[in-house]
Amino acid sequence: MQTVAKTHAPPYYAVIFTSVRTDGDNSYAHAAKRMLELASKQPGFLGFETARQEIGISVSYWSSLEAIKAWKENAEHRETQEKAKDWYSSFRVRVCRVEREYGF
């Protein structure tokens, strides 16, 4: 069951990963599961949401820019990032500061 990430009160940061996949799994599913497991243990990780159709959009939430930088520099994460061309025909990463949120 999908759930909406429960973050703390703003401000915090969102890393938006937008992608178009290549054909075939190429071990993607296993790596994606492992990266979420690893990211969720990182200091400053607040949550994660993802959706995929023609374009995939994954958003991870972080307490600070320092936490995002530490995740980007994580050795296992860096190793997995090197396989991006096997999984994506294109992608974009955007880092945003969340100033306000609301919902139910």
PDB file of N, CA and C in Angstrom:
ATOM      1  N   MET A   1       0.822  -1.183   0.000  1.00  0.00           N
ATOM      2  CA  MET A   1       0.000   0.000   0.000  1.00  0.00           C
ATOM      3  C   MET A   1       0.870   1.252   0.000  1.00  0.00           C
ATOM      4  N   GLN A   2       0.578   2.169  -0.896  1.00  0.00           N
ATOM      5  CA  GLN A   2       1.297   3.437  -0.968  1.00  0.00           C
ATOM      6  C   GLN A   2       0.788   4.377   0.115  1.00  0.00           C
ATOM      7  N   THR A   3       1.677   5.140   0.695  1.00  0.00           N
ATOM      8  CA  THR A   3       1.290   6.151   1.661  1.00  0.00           C
ATOM      9  C   THR A   3       2.001   7.457   1.325  1.00  0.00           C
ATOM     10  N   VAL A   4       1.448   8.539   1.788  1.00  0.00           N
ATOM     11  CA  VAL A   4       2.065   9.845   1.628  1.00  0.00           C
ATOM     12  C   VAL A   4       3.048  10.024   2.775  1.00  0.00           C
ATOM     13  N   ALA A   5       4.250  10.483   2.458  1.00  0.00           N
ATOM     14  CA  ALA A   5       5.281  10.665   3.480  1.00  0.00           C
ATOM     15  C   ALA A   5       4.819  11.659   4.537  1.00  0.00           C
ATOM     16  N   LYS A   6       5.096  11.344   5.776  1.00  0.00           N
ATOM     17  CA  LYS A   6       4.786  12.241   6.888  1.00  0.00           C
ATOM     18  C   LYS A   6       6.085  12.933   7.291  1.00  0.00           C
ATOM     19  N   THR A   7       6.168  14.193   6.989  1.00  0.00           N
ATOM     20  CA  THR A   7       7.373  14.967   7.270  1.00  0.00           C
ATOM     21  C   THR A   7       7.118  15.856   8.486  1.00  0.00           C
ATOM     22  N   HIS A   8       8.178  16.475   8.991  1.00  0.00           N
ATOM     23  CA  HIS A   8       7.988  17.407  10.099  1.00  0.00           C
ATOM     24  C   HIS A   8       7.598  18.779   9.560  1.00  0.00           C
ATOM     25  N   ALA A   9       7.352  19.698  10.427  1.00  0.00           N
ATOM     26  CA  ALA A   9       6.951  21.048  10.028  1.00  0.00           C
ATOM     27  C   ALA A   9       8.032  21.708   9.179  1.00  0.00           C
ATOM     28  N   PRO A  10       7.652  22.413   8.128  1.00  0.00           N
ATOM     29  CA  PRO A  10       8.626  23.130   7.299  1.00  0.00           C
ATOM     30  C   PRO A  10       9.367  24.177   8.123  1.00  0.00           C
ATOM     31  N   PRO A  11      10.534  24.592   7.675  1.00  0.00           N
ATOM     32  CA  PRO A  11      11.116  24.224   6.393  1.00  0.00           C
ATOM     33  C   PRO A  11      11.893  22.910   6.460  1.00  0.00           C
ATOM     34  N   TYR A  12      11.945  22.256   5.316  1.00  0.00           N
ATOM     35  CA  TYR A  12      12.769  21.078   5.088  1.00  0.00           C
ATOM     36  C   TYR A  12      13.028  21.034   3.594  1.00  0.00           C
ATOM     37  N   TYR A  13      13.678  20.002   3.106  1.00  0.00           N
ATOM     38  CA  TYR A  13      14.084  19.951   1.703  1.00  0.00           C
ATOM     39  C   TYR A  13      13.507  18.734   1.001  1.00  0.00           C
ATOM     40  N   ALA A  14      13.265  18.911  -0.289  1.00  0.00           N
ATOM     41  CA  ALA A  14      12.801  17.823  -1.143  1.00  0.00           C
ATOM     42  C   ALA A  14      13.789  17.653  -2.290  1.00  0.00           C
ATOM     43  N   VAL A  15      14.162  16.411  -2.549  1.00  0.00           N
ATOM     44  CA  VAL A  15      14.961  16.083  -3.720  1.00  0.00           C
ATOM     45  C   VAL A  15      14.016  15.378  -4.683  1.00  0.00           C
ATOM     46  N   ILE A  16      13.793  16.003  -5.825  1.00  0.00           N
ATOM     47  CA  ILE A  16      12.866  15.480  -6.829  1.00  0.00           C
ATOM     48  C   ILE A  16      13.686  14.836  -7.944  1.00  0.00           C
ATOM     49  N   PHE A  17      13.466  13.548  -8.149  1.00  0.00           N
ATOM     50  CA  PHE A  17      14.172  12.785  -9.178  1.00  0.00           C
ATOM     51  C   PHE A  17      13.143  12.412 -10.241  1.00  0.00           C
ATOM     52  N   THR A  18      13.252  13.007 -11.417  1.00  0.00           N
ATOM     53  CA  THR A  18      12.342  12.762 -12.522  1.00  0.00           C
ATOM     54  C   THR A  18      13.108  11.973 -13.578  1.00  0.00           C
ATOM     55  N   SER A  19      12.506  10.877 -14.085  1.00  0.00           N
ATOM     56  CA  SER A  19      13.259  10.005 -14.981  1.00  0.00           C
ATOM     57  C   SER A  19      12.390   9.334 -16.033  1.00  0.00           C
ATOM     58  N   VAL A  20      13.060   8.913 -17.100  1.00  0.00           N
ATOM     59  CA  VAL A  20      12.482   8.045 -18.118  1.00  0.00           C
ATOM     60  C   VAL A  20      13.335   6.784 -18.120  1.00  0.00           C
ATOM     61  N   ARG A  21      12.700   5.641 -17.916  1.00  0.00           N
ATOM     62  CA  ARG A  21      13.417   4.357 -17.831  1.00  0.00           C
ATOM     63  C   ARG A  21      13.792   3.818 -19.201  1.00  0.00           C
ATOM     64  N   THR A  22      14.865   3.036 -19.234  1.00  0.00           N
ATOM     65  CA  THR A  22      15.217   2.247 -20.408  1.00  0.00           C
ATOM     66  C   THR A  22      14.386   0.968 -20.368  1.00  0.00           C
ATOM     67  N   ASP A  23      14.415   0.195 -21.440  1.00  0.00           N
ATOM     68  CA  ASP A  23      13.696  -1.073 -21.476  1.00  0.00           C
ATOM     69  C   ASP A  23      14.394  -2.100 -20.588  1.00  0.00           C
ATOM     70  N   GLY A  24      13.602  -2.977 -19.980  1.00  0.00           N
ATOM     71  CA  GLY A  24      14.153  -4.056 -19.153  1.00  0.00           C
ATOM     72  C   GLY A  24      14.462  -3.594 -17.746  1.00  0.00           C
ATOM     73  N   ASP A  25      14.535  -4.567 -16.841  1.00  0.00           N
ATOM     74  CA  ASP A  25      14.791  -4.260 -15.438  1.00  0.00           C
ATOM     75  C   ASP A  25      16.262  -3.979 -15.181  1.00  0.00           C
ATOM     76  N   ASN A  26      17.163  -4.773 -15.752  1.00  0.00           N
ATOM     77  CA  ASN A  26      18.610  -4.596 -15.570  1.00  0.00           C
ATOM     78  C   ASN A  26      19.002  -4.460 -14.103  1.00  0.00           C
ATOM     79  N   SER A  27      18.356  -5.234 -13.231  1.00  0.00           N
ATOM     80  CA  SER A  27      18.593  -5.240 -11.780  1.00  0.00           C
ATOM     81  C   SER A  27      18.132  -3.953 -11.088  1.00  0.00           C
ATOM     82  N   TYR A  28      17.310  -3.164 -11.763  1.00  0.00           N
ATOM     83  CA  TYR A  28      16.828  -1.906 -11.207  1.00  0.00           C
ATOM     84  C   TYR A  28      16.005  -2.102  -9.939  1.00  0.00           C
ATOM     85  N   ALA A  29      15.042  -3.018  -9.960  1.00  0.00           N
ATOM     86  CA  ALA A  29      14.128  -3.191  -8.825  1.00  0.00           C
ATOM     87  C   ALA A  29      14.887  -3.484  -7.540  1.00  0.00           C
ATOM     88  N   HIS A  30      15.863  -4.365  -7.621  1.00  0.00           N
ATOM     89  CA  HIS A  30      16.668  -4.705  -6.437  1.00  0.00           C
ATOM     90  C   HIS A  30      17.448  -3.484  -5.951  1.00  0.00           C
ATOM     91  N   ALA A  31      18.076  -2.762  -6.877  1.00  0.00           N
ATOM     92  CA  ALA A  31      18.871  -1.590  -6.487  1.00  0.00           C
ATOM     93  C   ALA A  31      17.991  -0.495  -5.892  1.00  0.00           C
ATOM     94  N   ALA A  32      16.814  -0.258  -6.467  1.00  0.00           N
ATOM     95  CA  ALA A  32      15.912   0.775  -5.959  1.00  0.00           C
ATOM     96  C   ALA A  32      15.464   0.444  -4.535  1.00  0.00           C
ATOM     97  N   LYS A  33      15.145  -0.817  -4.303  1.00  0.00           N
ATOM     98  CA  LYS A  33      14.735  -1.242  -2.960  1.00  0.00           C
ATOM     99  C   LYS A  33      15.885  -1.041  -1.968  1.00  0.00           C
ATOM    100  N   ARG A  34      17.084  -1.403  -2.367  1.00  0.00           N
ATOM    101  CA  ARG A  34      18.245  -1.267  -1.486  1.00  0.00           C
ATOM    102  C   ARG A  34      18.536   0.205  -1.185  1.00  0.00           C
ATOM    103  N   MET A  35      18.432   1.070  -2.199  1.00  0.00           N
ATOM    104  CA  MET A  35      18.713   2.486  -1.974  1.00  0.00           C
ATOM    105  C   MET A  35      17.704   3.102  -1.010  1.00  0.00           C
ATOM    106  N   LEU A  36      16.436   2.708  -1.097  1.00  0.00           N
ATOM    107  CA  LEU A  36      15.446   3.225  -0.152  1.00  0.00           C
ATOM    108  C   LEU A  36      15.741   2.731   1.258  1.00  0.00           C
ATOM    109  N   GLU A  37      16.122   1.464   1.390  1.00  0.00           N
ATOM    110  CA  GLU A  37      16.489   0.935   2.706  1.00  0.00           C
ATOM    111  C   GLU A  37      17.662   1.727   3.287  1.00  0.00           C
ATOM    112  N   LEU A  38      18.671   1.964   2.465  1.00  0.00           N
ATOM    113  CA  LEU A  38      19.868   2.672   2.908  1.00  0.00           C
ATOM    114  C   LEU A  38      19.561   4.139   3.220  1.00  0.00           C
ATOM    115  N   ALA A  39      18.827   4.809   2.337  1.00  0.00           N
ATOM    116  CA  ALA A  39      18.499   6.221   2.543  1.00  0.00           C
ATOM    117  C   ALA A  39      17.703   6.418   3.826  1.00  0.00           C
ATOM    118  N   SER A  40      16.779   5.500   4.089  1.00  0.00           N
ATOM    119  CA  SER A  40      15.918   5.660   5.266  1.00  0.00           C
ATOM    120  C   SER A  40      16.698   5.566   6.578  1.00  0.00           C
ATOM    121  N   LYS A  41      17.914   5.072   6.530  1.00  0.00           N
ATOM    122  CA  LYS A  41      18.761   4.980   7.723  1.00  0.00           C
ATOM    123  C   LYS A  41      19.709   6.171   7.864  1.00  0.00           C
ATOM    124  N   GLN A  42      19.709   7.053   6.873  1.00  0.00           N
ATOM    125  CA  GLN A  42      20.615   8.195   6.898  1.00  0.00           C
ATOM    126  C   GLN A  42      20.100   9.269   7.831  1.00  0.00           C
ATOM    127  N   PRO A  43      20.995   9.912   8.585  1.00  0.00           N
ATOM    128  CA  PRO A  43      20.571  11.040   9.412  1.00  0.00           C
ATOM    129  C   PRO A  43      19.926  12.115   8.539  1.00  0.00           C
ATOM    130  N   GLY A  44      18.791  12.630   8.983  1.00  0.00           N
ATOM    131  CA  GLY A  44      18.114  13.696   8.261  1.00  0.00           C
ATOM    132  C   GLY A  44      17.082  13.237   7.250  1.00  0.00           C
ATOM    133  N   PHE A  45      16.966  11.924   6.994  1.00  0.00           N
ATOM    134  CA  PHE A  45      15.955  11.413   6.063  1.00  0.00           C
ATOM    135  C   PHE A  45      14.583  11.548   6.709  1.00  0.00           C
ATOM    136  N   LEU A  46      13.622  12.102   5.953  1.00  0.00           N
ATOM    137  CA  LEU A  46      12.280  12.326   6.494  1.00  0.00           C
ATOM    138  C   LEU A  46      11.212  11.463   5.835  1.00  0.00           C
ATOM    139  N   GLY A  47      11.415  11.052   4.584  1.00  0.00           N
ATOM    140  CA  GLY A  47      10.394  10.262   3.917  1.00  0.00           C
ATOM    141  C   GLY A  47      10.644  10.153   2.424  1.00  0.00           C
ATOM    142  N   PHE A  48       9.756   9.411   1.753  1.00  0.00           N
ATOM    143  CA  PHE A  48       9.932   9.119   0.330  1.00  0.00           C
ATOM    144  C   PHE A  48       8.575   8.850  -0.301  1.00  0.00           C
ATOM    145  N   GLU A  49       8.409   9.333  -1.539  1.00  0.00           N
ATOM    146  CA  GLU A  49       7.216   9.058  -2.339  1.00  0.00           C
ATOM    147  C   GLU A  49       7.655   8.823  -3.776  1.00  0.00           C
ATOM    148  N   THR A  50       6.944   7.945  -4.487  1.00  0.00           N
ATOM    149  CA  THR A  50       7.309   7.681  -5.874  1.00  0.00           C
ATOM    150  C   THR A  50       6.086   7.288  -6.689  1.00  0.00           C
ATOM    151  N   ALA A  51       6.123   7.616  -7.962  1.00  0.00           N
ATOM    152  CA  ALA A  51       5.076   7.228  -8.904  1.00  0.00           C
ATOM    153  C   ALA A  51       5.726   7.070 -10.276  1.00  0.00           C
ATOM    154  N   ARG A  52       5.235   6.100 -11.044  1.00  0.00           N
ATOM    155  CA  ARG A  52       5.816   5.890 -12.370  1.00  0.00           C
ATOM    156  C   ARG A  52       4.730   5.531 -13.355  1.00  0.00           C
ATOM    157  N   GLN A  53       4.768   6.229 -14.485  1.00  0.00           N
ATOM    158  CA  GLN A  53       4.036   5.828 -15.685  1.00  0.00           C
ATOM    159  C   GLN A  53       5.026   6.040 -16.820  1.00  0.00           C
ATOM    160  N   GLU A  54       4.741   6.921 -17.752  1.00  0.00           N
ATOM    161  CA  GLU A  54       5.726   7.202 -18.806  1.00  0.00           C
ATOM    162  C   GLU A  54       6.957   7.883 -18.224  1.00  0.00           C
ATOM    163  N   ILE A  55       6.710   8.746 -17.261  1.00  0.00           N
ATOM    164  CA  ILE A  55       7.781   9.447 -16.546  1.00  0.00           C
ATOM    165  C   ILE A  55       7.686   9.049 -15.077  1.00  0.00           C
ATOM    166  N   GLY A  56       8.826   8.773 -14.469  1.00  0.00           N
ATOM    167  CA  GLY A  56       8.855   8.462 -13.047  1.00  0.00           C
ATOM    168  C   GLY A  56       9.205   9.704 -12.251  1.00  0.00           C
ATOM    169  N   ILE A  57       8.556   9.864 -11.119  1.00  0.00           N
ATOM    170  CA  ILE A  57       8.870  10.961 -10.219  1.00  0.00           C
ATOM    171  C   ILE A  57       9.022  10.385  -8.818  1.00  0.00           C
ATOM    172  N   SER A  58      10.194  10.561  -8.257  1.00  0.00           N
ATOM    173  CA  SER A  58      10.467  10.132  -6.888  1.00  0.00           C
ATOM    174  C   SER A  58      10.911  11.346  -6.096  1.00  0.00           C
ATOM    175  N   VAL A  59      10.362  11.485  -4.908  1.00  0.00           N
ATOM    176  CA  VAL A  59      10.703  12.624  -4.056  1.00  0.00           C
ATOM    177  C   VAL A  59      11.169  12.091  -2.712  1.00  0.00           C
ATOM    178  N   SER A  60      12.377  12.479  -2.329  1.00  0.00           N
ATOM    179  CA  SER A  60      12.845  12.165  -0.978  1.00  0.00           C
ATOM    180  C   SER A  60      12.894  13.468  -0.198  1.00  0.00           C
ATOM    181  N   TYR A  61      12.602  13.362   1.092  1.00  0.00           N
ATOM    182  CA  TYR A  61      12.526  14.534   1.959  1.00  0.00           C
ATOM    183  C   TYR A  61      13.638  14.469   2.992  1.00  0.00           C
ATOM    184  N   TRP A  62      14.261  15.625   3.227  1.00  0.00           N
ATOM    185  CA  TRP A  62      15.435  15.702   4.083  1.00  0.00           C
ATOM    186  C   TRP A  62      15.358  16.921   5.003  1.00  0.00           C
ATOM    187  N   SER A  63      15.990  16.801   6.133  1.00  0.00           N
ATOM    188  CA  SER A  63      15.963  17.876   7.126  1.00  0.00           C
ATOM    189  C   SER A  63      16.858  19.050   6.764  1.00  0.00           C
ATOM    190  N   SER A  64      17.896  18.814   5.959  1.00  0.00           N
ATOM    191  CA  SER A  64      18.866  19.878   5.678  1.00  0.00           C
ATOM    192  C   SER A  64      19.620  19.604   4.381  1.00  0.00           C
ATOM    193  N   LEU A  65      20.260  20.643   3.868  1.00  0.00           N
ATOM    194  CA  LEU A  65      21.120  20.473   2.694  1.00  0.00           C
ATOM    195  C   LEU A  65      22.319  19.592   3.029  1.00  0.00           C
ATOM    196  N   GLU A  66      22.786  19.671   4.271  1.00  0.00           N
ATOM    197  CA  GLU A  66      23.914  18.828   4.696  1.00  0.00           C
ATOM    198  C   GLU A  66      23.533  17.353   4.656  1.00  0.00           C
ATOM    199  N   ALA A  67      22.315  17.027   5.055  1.00  0.00           N
ATOM    200  CA  ALA A  67      21.850  15.636   5.013  1.00  0.00           C
ATOM    201  C   ALA A  67      21.767  15.142   3.569  1.00  0.00           C
ATOM    202  N   ILE A  68      21.320  16.003   2.664  1.00  0.00           N
ATOM    203  CA  ILE A  68      21.252  15.642   1.239  1.00  0.00           C
ATOM    204  C   ILE A  68      22.653  15.395   0.704  1.00  0.00           C
ATOM    205  N   LYS A  69      23.571  16.263   1.042  1.00  0.00           N
ATOM    206  CA  LYS A  69      24.956  16.108   0.576  1.00  0.00           C
ATOM    207  C   LYS A  69      25.561  14.809   1.097  1.00  0.00           C
ATOM    208  N   ALA A  70      25.324  14.500   2.370  1.00  0.00           N
ATOM    209  CA  ALA A  70      25.863  13.261   2.943  1.00  0.00           C
ATOM    210  C   ALA A  70      25.290  12.042   2.220  1.00  0.00           C
ATOM    211  N   TRP A  71      24.004  12.074   1.872  1.00  0.00           N
ATOM    212  CA  TRP A  71      23.402  10.966   1.131  1.00  0.00           C
ATOM    213  C   TRP A  71      24.014  10.860  -0.263  1.00  0.00           C
ATOM    214  N   LYS A  72      24.193  11.982  -0.940  1.00  0.00           N
ATOM    215  CA  LYS A  72      24.789  11.974  -2.281  1.00  0.00           C
ATOM    216  C   LYS A  72      26.203  11.395  -2.239  1.00  0.00           C
ATOM    217  N   GLU A  73      26.915  11.611  -1.151  1.00  0.00           N
ATOM    218  CA  GLU A  73      28.301  11.142  -1.030  1.00  0.00           C
ATOM    219  C   GLU A  73      28.422   9.749  -0.420  1.00  0.00           C
ATOM    220  N   ASN A  74      27.312   9.135  -0.007  1.00  0.00           N
ATOM    221  CA  ASN A  74      27.349   7.775   0.543  1.00  0.00           C
ATOM    222  C   ASN A  74      27.969   6.833  -0.488  1.00  0.00           C
ATOM    223  N   ALA A  75      28.942   6.037  -0.072  1.00  0.00           N
ATOM    224  CA  ALA A  75      29.707   5.195  -0.996  1.00  0.00           C
ATOM    225  C   ALA A  75      28.823   4.222  -1.779  1.00  0.00           C
ATOM    226  N   GLU A  76      27.916   3.534  -1.114  1.00  0.00           N
ATOM    227  CA  GLU A  76      27.061   2.572  -1.813  1.00  0.00           C
ATOM    228  C   GLU A  76      26.101   3.291  -2.767  1.00  0.00           C
ATOM    229  N   HIS A  77      25.611   4.447  -2.364  1.00  0.00           N
ATOM    230  CA  HIS A  77      24.747   5.238  -3.230  1.00  0.00           C
ATOM    231  C   HIS A  77      25.512   5.693  -4.471  1.00  0.00           C
ATOM    232  N   ARG A  78      26.742   6.154  -4.299  1.00  0.00           N
ATOM    233  CA  ARG A  78      27.568   6.594  -5.440  1.00  0.00           C
ATOM    234  C   ARG A  78      27.823   5.441  -6.402  1.00  0.00           C
ATOM    235  N   GLU A  79      28.096   4.274  -5.866  1.00  0.00           N
ATOM    236  CA  GLU A  79      28.325   3.096  -6.700  1.00  0.00           C
ATOM    237  C   GLU A  79      27.078   2.767  -7.526  1.00  0.00           C
ATOM    238  N   THR A  80      25.924   2.864  -6.909  1.00  0.00           N
ATOM    239  CA  THR A  80      24.671   2.587  -7.603  1.00  0.00           C
ATOM    240  C   THR A  80      24.385   3.661  -8.646  1.00  0.00           C
ATOM    241  N   GLN A  81      24.709   4.912  -8.365  1.00  0.00           N
ATOM    242  CA  GLN A  81      24.493   5.993  -9.324  1.00  0.00           C
ATOM    243  C   GLN A  81      25.256   5.766 -10.622  1.00  0.00           C
ATOM    244  N   GLU A  82      26.377   5.086 -10.552  1.00  0.00           N
ATOM    245  CA  GLU A  82      27.172   4.821 -11.753  1.00  0.00           C
ATOM    246  C   GLU A  82      26.448   3.920 -12.746  1.00  0.00           C
ATOM    247  N   LYS A  83      25.401   3.235 -12.319  1.00  0.00           N
ATOM    248  CA  LYS A  83      24.635   2.350 -13.186  1.00  0.00           C
ATOM    249  C   LYS A  83      23.451   3.061 -13.841  1.00  0.00           C
ATOM    250  N   ALA A  84      23.343   4.363 -13.652  1.00  0.00           N
ATOM    251  CA  ALA A  84      22.181   5.126 -14.129  1.00  0.00           C
ATOM    252  C   ALA A  84      21.920   4.939 -15.621  1.00  0.00           C
ATOM    253  N   LYS A  85      22.947   4.859 -16.427  1.00  0.00           N
ATOM    254  CA  LYS A  85      22.742   4.722 -17.877  1.00  0.00           C
ATOM    255  C   LYS A  85      22.136   3.377 -18.259  1.00  0.00           C
ATOM    256  N   ASP A  86      22.249   2.380 -17.369  1.00  0.00           N
ATOM    257  CA  ASP A  86      21.590   1.092 -17.605  1.00  0.00           C
ATOM    258  C   ASP A  86      20.082   1.190 -17.359  1.00  0.00           C
ATOM    259  N   TRP A  87      19.656   2.137 -16.539  1.00  0.00           N
ATOM    260  CA  TRP A  87      18.265   2.206 -16.087  1.00  0.00           C
ATOM    261  C   TRP A  87      17.464   3.358 -16.666  1.00  0.00           C
ATOM    262  N   TYR A  88      18.135   4.446 -17.041  1.00  0.00           N
ATOM    263  CA  TYR A  88      17.422   5.653 -17.462  1.00  0.00           C
ATOM    264  C   TYR A  88      17.908   6.137 -18.821  1.00  0.00           C
ATOM    265  N   SER A  89      16.952   6.527 -19.664  1.00  0.00           N
ATOM    266  CA  SER A  89      17.332   7.181 -20.916  1.00  0.00           C
ATOM    267  C   SER A  89      17.540   8.675 -20.667  1.00  0.00           C
ATOM    268  N   SER A  90      16.900   9.203 -19.622  1.00  0.00           N
ATOM    269  CA  SER A  90      17.146  10.582 -19.184  1.00  0.00           C
ATOM    270  C   SER A  90      16.659  10.733 -17.749  1.00  0.00           C
ATOM    271  N   PHE A  91      17.253  11.674 -17.038  1.00  0.00           N
ATOM    272  CA  PHE A  91      16.782  11.987 -15.688  1.00  0.00           C
ATOM    273  C   PHE A  91      17.195  13.395 -15.318  1.00  0.00           C
ATOM    274  N   ARG A  92      16.559  13.925 -14.296  1.00  0.00           N
ATOM    275  CA  ARG A  92      16.857  15.239 -13.763  1.00  0.00           C
ATOM    276  C   ARG A  92      16.674  15.184 -12.257  1.00  0.00           C
ATOM    277  N   VAL A  93      17.575  15.829 -11.518  1.00  0.00           N
ATOM    278  CA  VAL A  93      17.474  15.931 -10.065  1.00  0.00           C
ATOM    279  C   VAL A  93      17.288  17.412  -9.721  1.00  0.00           C
ATOM    280  N   ARG A  94      16.292  17.667  -8.891  1.00  0.00           N
ATOM    281  CA  ARG A  94      16.025  19.033  -8.447  1.00  0.00           C
ATOM    282  C   ARG A  94      15.965  19.043  -6.918  1.00  0.00           C
ATOM    283  N   VAL A  95      16.618  20.013  -6.317  1.00  0.00           N
ATOM    284  CA  VAL A  95      16.621  20.146  -4.863  1.00  0.00           C
ATOM    285  C   VAL A  95      15.855  21.420  -4.517  1.00  0.00           C
ATOM    286  N   CYS A  96      14.846  21.280  -3.652  1.00  0.00           N
ATOM    287  CA  CYS A  96      13.952  22.391  -3.324  1.00  0.00           C
ATOM    288  C   CYS A  96      13.802  22.531  -1.817  1.00  0.00           C
ATOM    289  N   ARG A  97      13.598  23.740  -1.381  1.00  0.00           N
ATOM    290  CA  ARG A  97      13.276  23.998   0.023  1.00  0.00           C
ATOM    291  C   ARG A  97      11.750  24.065   0.140  1.00  0.00           C
ATOM    292  N   VAL A  98      11.198  23.275   1.032  1.00  0.00           N
ATOM    293  CA  VAL A  98       9.755  23.273   1.276  1.00  0.00           C
ATOM    294  C   VAL A  98       9.466  24.327   2.340  1.00  0.00           C
ATOM    295  N   GLU A  99       8.692  25.317   1.965  1.00  0.00           N
ATOM    296  CA  GLU A  99       8.358  26.427   2.862  1.00  0.00           C
ATOM    297  C   GLU A  99       7.027  26.224   3.561  1.00  0.00           C
ATOM    298  N   ARG A 100       6.117  25.484   2.905  1.00  0.00           N
ATOM    299  CA  ARG A 100       4.774  25.342   3.443  1.00  0.00           C
ATOM    300  C   ARG A 100       4.235  24.001   2.975  1.00  0.00           C
ATOM    301  N   GLU A 101       3.388  23.383   3.788  1.00  0.00           N
ATOM    302  CA  GLU A 101       2.681  22.178   3.391  1.00  0.00           C
ATOM    303  C   GLU A 101       1.319  22.143   4.072  1.00  0.00           C
ATOM    304  N   TYR A 102       0.396  21.455   3.456  1.00  0.00           N
ATOM    305  CA  TYR A 102      -0.921  21.263   4.057  1.00  0.00           C
ATOM    306  C   TYR A 102      -1.571  20.041   3.437  1.00  0.00           C
ATOM    307  N   GLY A 103      -2.555  19.500   4.038  1.00  0.00           N
ATOM    308  CA  GLY A 103      -3.252  18.325   3.528  1.00  0.00           C
ATOM    309  C   GLY A 103      -3.943  17.585   4.657  1.00  0.00           C
ATOM    310  N   PHE A 104      -4.432  16.401   4.340  1.00  0.00           N
ATOM    311  CA  PHE A 104      -5.074  15.567   5.351  1.00  0.00           C
ATOM    312  C   PHE A 104      -4.728  14.130   5.123  1.00  0.00           C
TER     313      PHE A 104
END
